[in-house]
PDB file of N, CA and C in Angstrom:
ATOM      1  N   UNK A   1       0.844  -1.172   0.000  1.00  0.00           N
ATOM      2  CA  UNK A   1       0.000   0.000   0.000  1.00  0.00           C
ATOM      3  C   UNK A   1       0.886   1.231   0.000  1.00  0.00           C
ATOM      4  N   UNK A   2       0.495   2.225  -0.765  1.00  0.00           N
ATOM      5  CA  UNK A   2       1.256   3.455  -0.885  1.00  0.00           C
ATOM      6  C   UNK A   2       0.402   4.622  -0.419  1.00  0.00           C
ATOM      7  N   UNK A   3       1.059   5.594   0.143  1.00  0.00           N
ATOM      8  CA  UNK A   3       0.332   6.779   0.593  1.00  0.00           C
ATOM      9  C   UNK A   3       0.984   8.011   0.003  1.00  0.00           C
ATOM     10  N   UNK A   4       0.178   9.002  -0.289  1.00  0.00           N
ATOM     11  CA  UNK A   4       0.711  10.264  -0.791  1.00  0.00           C
ATOM     12  C   UNK A   4       1.366  11.013   0.361  1.00  0.00           C
ATOM     13  N   UNK A   5       2.437  11.724   0.093  1.00  0.00           N
ATOM     14  CA  UNK A   5       3.073  12.482   1.158  1.00  0.00           C
ATOM     15  C   UNK A   5       2.139  13.577   1.669  1.00  0.00           C
ATOM     16  N   UNK A   6       2.294  13.907   2.947  1.00  0.00           N
ATOM     17  CA  UNK A   6       1.467  14.958   3.520  1.00  0.00           C
ATOM     18  C   UNK A   6       1.848  16.319   2.975  1.00  0.00           C
ATOM     19  N   UNK A   7       3.115  16.501   2.643  1.00  0.00           N
ATOM     20  CA  UNK A   7       3.597  17.769   2.132  1.00  0.00           C
ATOM     21  C   UNK A   7       4.344  17.510   0.836  1.00  0.00           C
ATOM     22  N   UNK A   8       4.314  18.457  -0.058  1.00  0.00           N
ATOM     23  CA  UNK A   8       5.004  18.298  -1.326  1.00  0.00           C
ATOM     24  C   UNK A   8       4.017  18.228  -2.471  1.00  0.00           C
ATOM     25  N   UNK A   9       4.577  18.186  -3.649  1.00  0.00           N
ATOM     26  CA  UNK A   9       3.770  18.162  -4.858  1.00  0.00           C
ATOM     27  C   UNK A   9       3.698  16.750  -5.416  1.00  0.00           C
ATOM     28  N   UNK A  10       2.756  16.541  -6.322  1.00  0.00           N
ATOM     29  CA  UNK A  10       2.592  15.227  -6.925  1.00  0.00           C
ATOM     30  C   UNK A  10       3.820  14.785  -7.702  1.00  0.00           C
ATOM     31  N   UNK A  11       4.657  15.733  -8.117  1.00  0.00           N
ATOM     32  CA  UNK A  11       5.866  15.365  -8.858  1.00  0.00           C
ATOM     33  C   UNK A  11       7.069  15.169  -7.942  1.00  0.00           C
ATOM     34  N   UNK A  12       6.852  15.221  -6.628  1.00  0.00           N
ATOM     35  CA  UNK A  12       7.928  14.963  -5.674  1.00  0.00           C
ATOM     36  C   UNK A  12       8.695  16.201  -5.230  1.00  0.00           C
ATOM     37  N   UNK A  13       8.446  17.350  -5.852  1.00  0.00           N
ATOM     38  CA  UNK A  13       9.141  18.562  -5.431  1.00  0.00           C
ATOM     39  C   UNK A  13       8.502  19.106  -4.165  1.00  0.00           C
ATOM     40  N   UNK A  14       9.285  19.824  -3.412  1.00  0.00           N
ATOM     41  CA  UNK A  14       8.781  20.443  -2.187  1.00  0.00           C
ATOM     42  C   UNK A  14       8.189  21.811  -2.503  1.00  0.00           C
ATOM     43  N   UNK A  15       7.162  22.221  -1.777  1.00  0.00           N
ATOM     44  CA  UNK A  15       6.614  23.559  -1.988  1.00  0.00           C
ATOM     45  C   UNK A  15       7.636  24.629  -1.618  1.00  0.00           C
ATOM     46  N   UNK A  16       7.441  25.782  -2.153  1.00  0.00           N
ATOM     47  CA  UNK A  16       8.276  26.929  -1.814  1.00  0.00           C
ATOM     48  C   UNK A  16       7.997  27.271  -0.354  1.00  0.00           C
ATOM     49  N   UNK A  17       9.030  27.460   0.464  1.00  0.00           N
ATOM     50  CA  UNK A  17       8.764  27.875   1.850  1.00  0.00           C
ATOM     51  C   UNK A  17       7.994  29.195   1.872  1.00  0.00           C
ATOM     52  N   UNK A  18       7.112  29.341   2.821  1.00  0.00           N
ATOM     53  CA  UNK A  18       6.281  30.550   2.898  1.00  0.00           C
ATOM     54  C   UNK A  18       6.994  31.637   3.703  1.00  0.00           C
ATOM     55  N   UNK A  19       8.140  32.030   3.170  1.00  0.00           N
ATOM     56  CA  UNK A  19       8.887  33.134   3.754  1.00  0.00           C
ATOM     57  C   UNK A  19       9.072  34.197   2.684  1.00  0.00           C
ATOM     58  N   UNK A  20       9.285  35.427   3.105  1.00  0.00           N
ATOM     59  CA  UNK A  20       9.453  36.518   2.155  1.00  0.00           C
ATOM     60  C   UNK A  20      10.639  36.259   1.231  1.00  0.00           C
ATOM     61  N   UNK A  21      11.766  35.824   1.779  1.00  0.00           N
ATOM     62  CA  UNK A  21      12.946  35.586   0.954  1.00  0.00           C
ATOM     63  C   UNK A  21      12.735  34.455  -0.045  1.00  0.00           C
ATOM     64  N   UNK A  22      12.099  33.362   0.395  1.00  0.00           N
ATOM     65  CA  UNK A  22      11.885  32.215  -0.501  1.00  0.00           C
ATOM     66  C   UNK A  22      10.909  32.574  -1.618  1.00  0.00           C
ATOM     67  N   UNK A  23       9.853  33.293  -1.284  1.00  0.00           N
ATOM     68  CA  UNK A  23       8.879  33.692  -2.300  1.00  0.00           C
ATOM     69  C   UNK A  23       9.542  34.627  -3.305  1.00  0.00           C
ATOM     70  N   UNK A  24      10.281  35.614  -2.822  1.00  0.00           N
ATOM     71  CA  UNK A  24      10.955  36.557  -3.720  1.00  0.00           C
ATOM     72  C   UNK A  24      11.911  35.831  -4.652  1.00  0.00           C
ATOM     73  N   UNK A  25      12.667  34.885  -4.126  1.00  0.00           N
ATOM     74  CA  UNK A  25      13.634  34.149  -4.950  1.00  0.00           C
ATOM     75  C   UNK A  25      12.938  33.297  -6.015  1.00  0.00           C
ATOM     76  N   UNK A  26      11.723  32.831  -5.728  1.00  0.00           N
ATOM     77  CA  UNK A  26      11.009  31.961  -6.668  1.00  0.00           C
ATOM     78  C   UNK A  26      10.264  32.736  -7.752  1.00  0.00           C
ATOM     79  N   UNK A  27      10.098  34.038  -7.561  1.00  0.00           N
ATOM     80  CA  UNK A  27       9.368  34.842  -8.542  1.00  0.00           C
ATOM     81  C   UNK A  27      10.255  35.234  -9.714  1.00  0.00           C
ATOM     82  N   UNK A  28       9.654  35.389 -10.894  1.00  0.00           N
ATOM     83  CA  UNK A  28      10.405  35.940 -12.012  1.00  0.00           C
ATOM     84  C   UNK A  28      10.856  37.360 -11.663  1.00  0.00           C
ATOM     85  N   UNK A  29      12.017  37.791 -12.148  1.00  0.00           N
ATOM     86  CA  UNK A  29      12.517  39.127 -11.811  1.00  0.00           C
ATOM     87  C   UNK A  29      11.501  40.242 -12.050  1.00  0.00           C
ATOM     88  N   UNK A  30      10.714  40.133 -13.098  1.00  0.00           N
ATOM     89  CA  UNK A  30       9.733  41.181 -13.404  1.00  0.00           C
ATOM     90  C   UNK A  30       8.659  41.283 -12.328  1.00  0.00           C
ATOM     91  N   UNK A  31       8.390  40.222 -11.599  1.00  0.00           N
ATOM     92  CA  UNK A  31       7.367  40.215 -10.559  1.00  0.00           C
ATOM     93  C   UNK A  31       7.936  40.548  -9.176  1.00  0.00           C
ATOM     94  N   UNK A  32       9.221  40.337  -8.999  1.00  0.00           N
ATOM     95  CA  UNK A  32       9.843  40.472  -7.677  1.00  0.00           C
ATOM     96  C   UNK A  32       9.702  41.872  -7.088  1.00  0.00           C
ATOM     97  N   UNK A  33       9.907  42.905  -7.879  1.00  0.00           N
ATOM     98  CA  UNK A  33       9.812  44.265  -7.362  1.00  0.00           C
ATOM     99  C   UNK A  33       8.380  44.599  -6.932  1.00  0.00           C
ATOM    100  N   UNK A  34       7.398  44.106  -7.657  1.00  0.00           N
ATOM    101  CA  UNK A  34       6.007  44.320  -7.270  1.00  0.00           C
ATOM    102  C   UNK A  34       5.715  43.618  -5.939  1.00  0.00           C
ATOM    103  N   UNK A  35       6.259  42.427  -5.774  1.00  0.00           N
ATOM    104  CA  UNK A  35       6.109  41.700  -4.510  1.00  0.00           C
ATOM    105  C   UNK A  35       6.689  42.516  -3.361  1.00  0.00           C
ATOM    106  N   UNK A  36       7.919  42.992  -3.522  1.00  0.00           N
ATOM    107  CA  UNK A  36       8.544  43.788  -2.465  1.00  0.00           C
ATOM    108  C   UNK A  36       7.754  45.073  -2.193  1.00  0.00           C
ATOM    109  N   UNK A  37       7.224  45.692  -3.230  1.00  0.00           N
ATOM    110  CA  UNK A  37       6.440  46.909  -3.045  1.00  0.00           C
ATOM    111  C   UNK A  37       5.196  46.624  -2.208  1.00  0.00           C
ATOM    112  N   UNK A  38       4.467  45.557  -2.569  1.00  0.00           N
ATOM    113  CA  UNK A  38       3.249  45.220  -1.827  1.00  0.00           C
ATOM    114  C   UNK A  38       3.567  44.817  -0.388  1.00  0.00           C
ATOM    115  N   UNK A  39       4.645  44.071  -0.186  1.00  0.00           N
ATOM    116  CA  UNK A  39       5.029  43.689   1.175  1.00  0.00           C
ATOM    117  C   UNK A  39       5.379  44.933   1.991  1.00  0.00           C
ATOM    118  N   UNK A  40       6.074  45.872   1.373  1.00  0.00           N
ATOM    119  CA  UNK A  40       6.484  47.076   2.069  1.00  0.00           C
ATOM    120  C   UNK A  40       5.329  47.993   2.419  1.00  0.00           C
ATOM    121  N   UNK A  41       4.257  47.956   1.640  1.00  0.00           N
ATOM    122  CA  UNK A  41       3.097  48.815   1.883  1.00  0.00           C
ATOM    123  C   UNK A  41       2.049  48.159   2.774  1.00  0.00           C
ATOM    124  N   UNK A  42       2.190  46.858   3.044  1.00  0.00           N
ATOM    125  CA  UNK A  42       1.175  46.125   3.804  1.00  0.00           C
ATOM    126  C   UNK A  42       1.208  46.495   5.287  1.00  0.00           C
ATOM    127  N   UNK A  43       0.022  46.584   5.873  1.00  0.00           N
ATOM    128  CA  UNK A  43      -0.094  46.806   7.315  1.00  0.00           C
ATOM    129  C   UNK A  43       0.072  45.470   8.035  1.00  0.00           C
ATOM    130  N   UNK A  44       0.102  45.515   9.364  1.00  0.00           N
ATOM    131  CA  UNK A  44       0.182  44.280  10.150  1.00  0.00           C
ATOM    132  C   UNK A  44      -0.934  43.311   9.777  1.00  0.00           C
ATOM    133  N   UNK A  45      -2.122  43.845   9.574  1.00  0.00           N
ATOM    134  CA  UNK A  45      -3.279  43.003   9.269  1.00  0.00           C
ATOM    135  C   UNK A  45      -3.230  42.431   7.855  1.00  0.00           C
ATOM    136  N   UNK A  46      -2.562  43.106   6.946  1.00  0.00           N
ATOM    137  CA  UNK A  46      -2.550  42.704   5.531  1.00  0.00           C
ATOM    138  C   UNK A  46      -1.370  41.820   5.142  1.00  0.00           C
ATOM    139  N   UNK A  47      -0.277  41.887   5.869  1.00  0.00           N
ATOM    140  CA  UNK A  47       0.972  41.293   5.388  1.00  0.00           C
ATOM    141  C   UNK A  47       0.883  39.783   5.184  1.00  0.00           C
ATOM    142  N   UNK A  48       0.158  39.094   6.053  1.00  0.00           N
ATOM    143  CA  UNK A  48       0.008  37.645   5.879  1.00  0.00           C
ATOM    144  C   UNK A  48      -0.713  37.298   4.583  1.00  0.00           C
ATOM    145  N   UNK A  49      -1.754  38.058   4.268  1.00  0.00           N
ATOM    146  CA  UNK A  49      -2.501  37.830   3.028  1.00  0.00           C
ATOM    147  C   UNK A  49      -1.675  38.132   1.795  1.00  0.00           C
ATOM    148  N   UNK A  50      -0.868  39.192   1.875  1.00  0.00           N
ATOM    149  CA  UNK A  50       0.007  39.542   0.747  1.00  0.00           C
ATOM    150  C   UNK A  50       1.009  38.415   0.510  1.00  0.00           C
ATOM    151  N   UNK A  51       1.623  37.922   1.583  1.00  0.00           N
ATOM    152  CA  UNK A  51       2.602  36.839   1.436  1.00  0.00           C
ATOM    153  C   UNK A  51       1.943  35.589   0.884  1.00  0.00           C
ATOM    154  N   UNK A  52       0.759  35.227   1.392  1.00  0.00           N
ATOM    155  CA  UNK A  52       0.068  34.034   0.882  1.00  0.00           C
ATOM    156  C   UNK A  52      -0.267  34.159  -0.603  1.00  0.00           C
ATOM    157  N   UNK A  53      -0.783  35.326  -1.001  1.00  0.00           N
ATOM    158  CA  UNK A  53      -1.156  35.528  -2.413  1.00  0.00           C
ATOM    159  C   UNK A  53       0.061  35.396  -3.319  1.00  0.00           C
ATOM    160  N   UNK A  54       1.170  36.025  -2.929  1.00  0.00           N
ATOM    161  CA  UNK A  54       2.375  35.939  -3.756  1.00  0.00           C
ATOM    162  C   UNK A  54       2.999  34.549  -3.705  1.00  0.00           C
ATOM    163  N   UNK A  55       2.856  33.847  -2.591  1.00  0.00           N
ATOM    164  CA  UNK A  55       3.344  32.469  -2.521  1.00  0.00           C
ATOM    165  C   UNK A  55       2.588  31.604  -3.533  1.00  0.00           C
ATOM    166  N   UNK A  56       1.274  31.796  -3.607  1.00  0.00           N
ATOM    167  CA  UNK A  56       0.484  31.044  -4.585  1.00  0.00           C
ATOM    168  C   UNK A  56       0.923  31.373  -6.007  1.00  0.00           C
ATOM    169  N   UNK A  57       1.182  32.645  -6.262  1.00  0.00           N
ATOM    170  CA  UNK A  57       1.668  33.030  -7.591  1.00  0.00           C
ATOM    171  C   UNK A  57       3.006  32.373  -7.889  1.00  0.00           C
ATOM    172  N   UNK A  58       3.918  32.372  -6.926  1.00  0.00           N
ATOM    173  CA  UNK A  58       5.235  31.764  -7.127  1.00  0.00           C
ATOM    174  C   UNK A  58       5.089  30.279  -7.435  1.00  0.00           C
ATOM    175  N   UNK A  59       4.193  29.595  -6.718  1.00  0.00           N
ATOM    176  CA  UNK A  59       3.938  28.179  -6.999  1.00  0.00           C
ATOM    177  C   UNK A  59       3.387  28.010  -8.417  1.00  0.00           C
ATOM    178  N   UNK A  60       2.506  28.902  -8.831  1.00  0.00           N
ATOM    179  CA  UNK A  60       1.933  28.835 -10.172  1.00  0.00           C
ATOM    180  C   UNK A  60       3.005  29.068 -11.238  1.00  0.00           C
ATOM    181  N   UNK A  61       3.879  30.039 -11.014  1.00  0.00           N
ATOM    182  CA  UNK A  61       4.967  30.290 -11.970  1.00  0.00           C
ATOM    183  C   UNK A  61       5.867  29.070 -12.111  1.00  0.00           C
ATOM    184  N   UNK A  62       6.030  28.327 -11.045  1.00  0.00           N
ATOM    185  CA  UNK A  62       6.907  27.155 -11.051  1.00  0.00           C
ATOM    186  C   UNK A  62       6.275  25.967 -11.777  1.00  0.00           C
ATOM    187  N   UNK A  63       4.963  25.948 -11.864  1.00  0.00           N
ATOM    188  CA  UNK A  63       4.242  24.846 -12.496  1.00  0.00           C
ATOM    189  C   UNK A  63       4.355  24.954 -14.010  1.00  0.00           C
ATOM    190  N   UNK A  64       4.788  23.884 -14.701  1.00  0.00           N
ATOM    191  CA  UNK A  64       4.894  23.943 -16.160  1.00  0.00           C
ATOM    192  C   UNK A  64       3.562  24.230 -16.851  1.00  0.00           C
ATOM    193  N   UNK A  65       2.464  23.919 -16.198  1.00  0.00           N
ATOM    194  CA  UNK A  65       1.135  24.183 -16.753  1.00  0.00           C
ATOM    195  C   UNK A  65       0.594  25.527 -16.268  1.00  0.00           C
ATOM    196  N   UNK A  66       1.392  26.267 -15.523  1.00  0.00           N
ATOM    197  CA  UNK A  66       0.943  27.499 -14.889  1.00  0.00           C
ATOM    198  C   UNK A  66       0.353  28.516 -15.839  1.00  0.00           C
ATOM    199  N   UNK A  67       0.999  28.756 -16.964  1.00  0.00           N
ATOM    200  CA  UNK A  67       0.492  29.751 -17.913  1.00  0.00           C
ATOM    201  C   UNK A  67      -0.876  29.357 -18.456  1.00  0.00           C
ATOM    202  N   UNK A  68      -1.029  28.084 -18.767  1.00  0.00           N
ATOM    203  CA  UNK A  68      -2.310  27.596 -19.292  1.00  0.00           C
ATOM    204  C   UNK A  68      -3.392  27.703 -18.222  1.00  0.00           C
ATOM    205  N   UNK A  69      -3.066  27.313 -16.985  1.00  0.00           N
ATOM    206  CA  UNK A  69      -4.030  27.368 -15.890  1.00  0.00           C
ATOM    207  C   UNK A  69      -4.432  28.815 -15.609  1.00  0.00           C
ATOM    208  N   UNK A  70      -3.457  29.692 -15.552  1.00  0.00           N
ATOM    209  CA  UNK A  70      -3.737  31.111 -15.272  1.00  0.00           C
ATOM    210  C   UNK A  70      -4.647  31.696 -16.351  1.00  0.00           C
ATOM    211  N   UNK A  71      -4.355  31.399 -17.609  1.00  0.00           N
ATOM    212  CA  UNK A  71      -5.177  31.914 -18.707  1.00  0.00           C
ATOM    213  C   UNK A  71      -6.608  31.392 -18.605  1.00  0.00           C
ATOM    214  N   UNK A  72      -6.770  30.116 -18.233  1.00  0.00           N
ATOM    215  CA  UNK A  72      -8.105  29.534 -18.111  1.00  0.00           C
ATOM    216  C   UNK A  72      -8.880  30.168 -16.957  1.00  0.00           C
ATOM    217  N   UNK A  73      -8.195  30.433 -15.849  1.00  0.00           N
ATOM    218  CA  UNK A  73      -8.858  31.082 -14.709  1.00  0.00           C
ATOM    219  C   UNK A  73      -9.295  32.489 -15.104  1.00  0.00           C
ATOM    220  N   UNK A  74      -8.405  33.237 -15.736  1.00  0.00           N
ATOM    221  CA  UNK A  74      -8.723  34.605 -16.140  1.00  0.00           C
ATOM    222  C   UNK A  74      -9.870  34.638 -17.149  1.00  0.00           C
ATOM    223  N   UNK A  75      -9.918  33.637 -18.016  1.00  0.00           N
ATOM    224  CA  UNK A  75     -10.965  33.587 -19.038  1.00  0.00           C
ATOM    225  C   UNK A  75     -12.273  33.001 -18.515  1.00  0.00           C
ATOM    226  N   UNK A  76     -12.243  32.439 -17.309  1.00  0.00           N
ATOM    227  CA  UNK A  76     -13.444  31.828 -16.753  1.00  0.00           C
ATOM    228  C   UNK A  76     -13.742  30.461 -17.327  1.00  0.00           C
ATOM    229  N   UNK A  77     -12.728  29.825 -17.935  1.00  0.00           N
ATOM    230  CA  UNK A  77     -12.944  28.509 -18.549  1.00  0.00           C
ATOM    231  C   UNK A  77     -12.290  27.378 -17.762  1.00  0.00           C
ATOM    232  N   UNK A  78     -11.712  27.690 -16.589  1.00  0.00           N
ATOM    233  CA  UNK A  78     -11.083  26.643 -15.776  1.00  0.00           C
ATOM    234  C   UNK A  78     -12.168  25.736 -15.206  1.00  0.00           C
ATOM    235  N   UNK A  79     -11.858  24.440 -15.054  1.00  0.00           N
ATOM    236  CA  UNK A  79     -12.855  23.547 -14.469  1.00  0.00           C
ATOM    237  C   UNK A  79     -13.074  23.885 -12.998  1.00  0.00           C
ATOM    238  N   UNK A  80     -14.226  23.513 -12.501  1.00  0.00           N
ATOM    239  CA  UNK A  80     -14.510  23.742 -11.089  1.00  0.00           C
ATOM    240  C   UNK A  80     -15.606  24.761 -10.894  1.00  0.00           C
ATOM    241  N   UNK A  81     -15.805  25.104  -9.652  1.00  0.00           N
ATOM    242  CA  UNK A  81     -16.864  26.029  -9.261  1.00  0.00           C
ATOM    243  C   UNK A  81     -16.207  27.270  -8.664  1.00  0.00           C
ATOM    244  N   UNK A  82     -16.633  28.456  -9.069  1.00  0.00           N
ATOM    245  CA  UNK A  82     -16.055  29.665  -8.484  1.00  0.00           C
ATOM    246  C   UNK A  82     -16.279  29.711  -6.972  1.00  0.00           C
ATOM    247  N   UNK A  83     -15.330  30.293  -6.268  1.00  0.00           N
ATOM    248  CA  UNK A  83     -15.430  30.407  -4.814  1.00  0.00           C
ATOM    249  C   UNK A  83     -16.712  31.123  -4.408  1.00  0.00           C
ATOM    250  N   UNK A  84     -17.118  32.126  -5.172  1.00  0.00           N
ATOM    251  CA  UNK A  84     -18.341  32.860  -4.837  1.00  0.00           C
ATOM    252  C   UNK A  84     -19.560  31.933  -4.846  1.00  0.00           C
ATOM    253  N   UNK A  85     -19.583  30.978  -5.764  1.00  0.00           N
ATOM    254  CA  UNK A  85     -20.692  30.021  -5.836  1.00  0.00           C
ATOM    255  C   UNK A  85     -20.668  29.080  -4.639  1.00  0.00           C
ATOM    256  N   UNK A  86     -19.488  28.608  -4.274  1.00  0.00           N
ATOM    257  CA  UNK A  86     -19.363  27.725  -3.104  1.00  0.00           C
ATOM    258  C   UNK A  86     -19.840  28.454  -1.858  1.00  0.00           C
ATOM    259  N   UNK A  87     -19.403  29.694  -1.677  1.00  0.00           N
ATOM    260  CA  UNK A  87     -19.822  30.469  -0.501  1.00  0.00           C
ATOM    261  C   UNK A  87     -21.319  30.719  -0.498  1.00  0.00           C
ATOM    262  N   UNK A  88     -21.889  30.972  -1.680  1.00  0.00           N
ATOM    263  CA  UNK A  88     -23.336  31.168  -1.767  1.00  0.00           C
ATOM    264  C   UNK A  88     -24.064  29.900  -1.339  1.00  0.00           C
ATOM    265  N   UNK A  89     -23.607  28.759  -1.827  1.00  0.00           N
ATOM    266  CA  UNK A  89     -24.237  27.474  -1.457  1.00  0.00           C
ATOM    267  C   UNK A  89     -24.118  27.209   0.029  1.00  0.00           C
ATOM    268  N   UNK A  90     -22.955  27.500   0.605  1.00  0.00           N
ATOM    269  CA  UNK A  90     -22.772  27.286   2.038  1.00  0.00           C
ATOM    270  C   UNK A  90     -23.689  28.181   2.855  1.00  0.00           C
ATOM    271  N   UNK A  91     -23.925  29.394   2.348  1.00  0.00           N
ATOM    272  CA  UNK A  91     -24.806  30.330   3.028  1.00  0.00           C
ATOM    273  C   UNK A  91     -26.257  29.903   3.014  1.00  0.00           C
ATOM    274  N   UNK A  92     -26.619  29.050   2.044  1.00  0.00           N
ATOM    275  CA  UNK A  92     -28.006  28.575   1.936  1.00  0.00           C
ATOM    276  C   UNK A  92     -28.327  27.476   2.924  1.00  0.00           C
ATOM    277  N   UNK A  93     -27.314  26.913   3.543  1.00  0.00           N
ATOM    278  CA  UNK A  93     -27.554  25.788   4.481  1.00  0.00           C
ATOM    279  C   UNK A  93     -28.176  26.240   5.753  1.00  0.00           C
TER     280      UNK A  93
END
């Protein structure tokens, strides 16, 4: 019997650590300055969300299918249900 690892990706790579330095290093140079700008402007309440959002972007940039997935999400053609729909359904319970 085999089990999937609790952490890591399906291809065996480890996720990018959720630190400012690791996220910055994983971003393309063109995105890095925007990341630093947003981190520098974030308040105490916002900084965790900014880091999480950019961490997700860094993971997406690292994915070979990232460009295709991003384009599908932006176009509204990605499979799945929008978060707004899930929240609406949960609110109906």
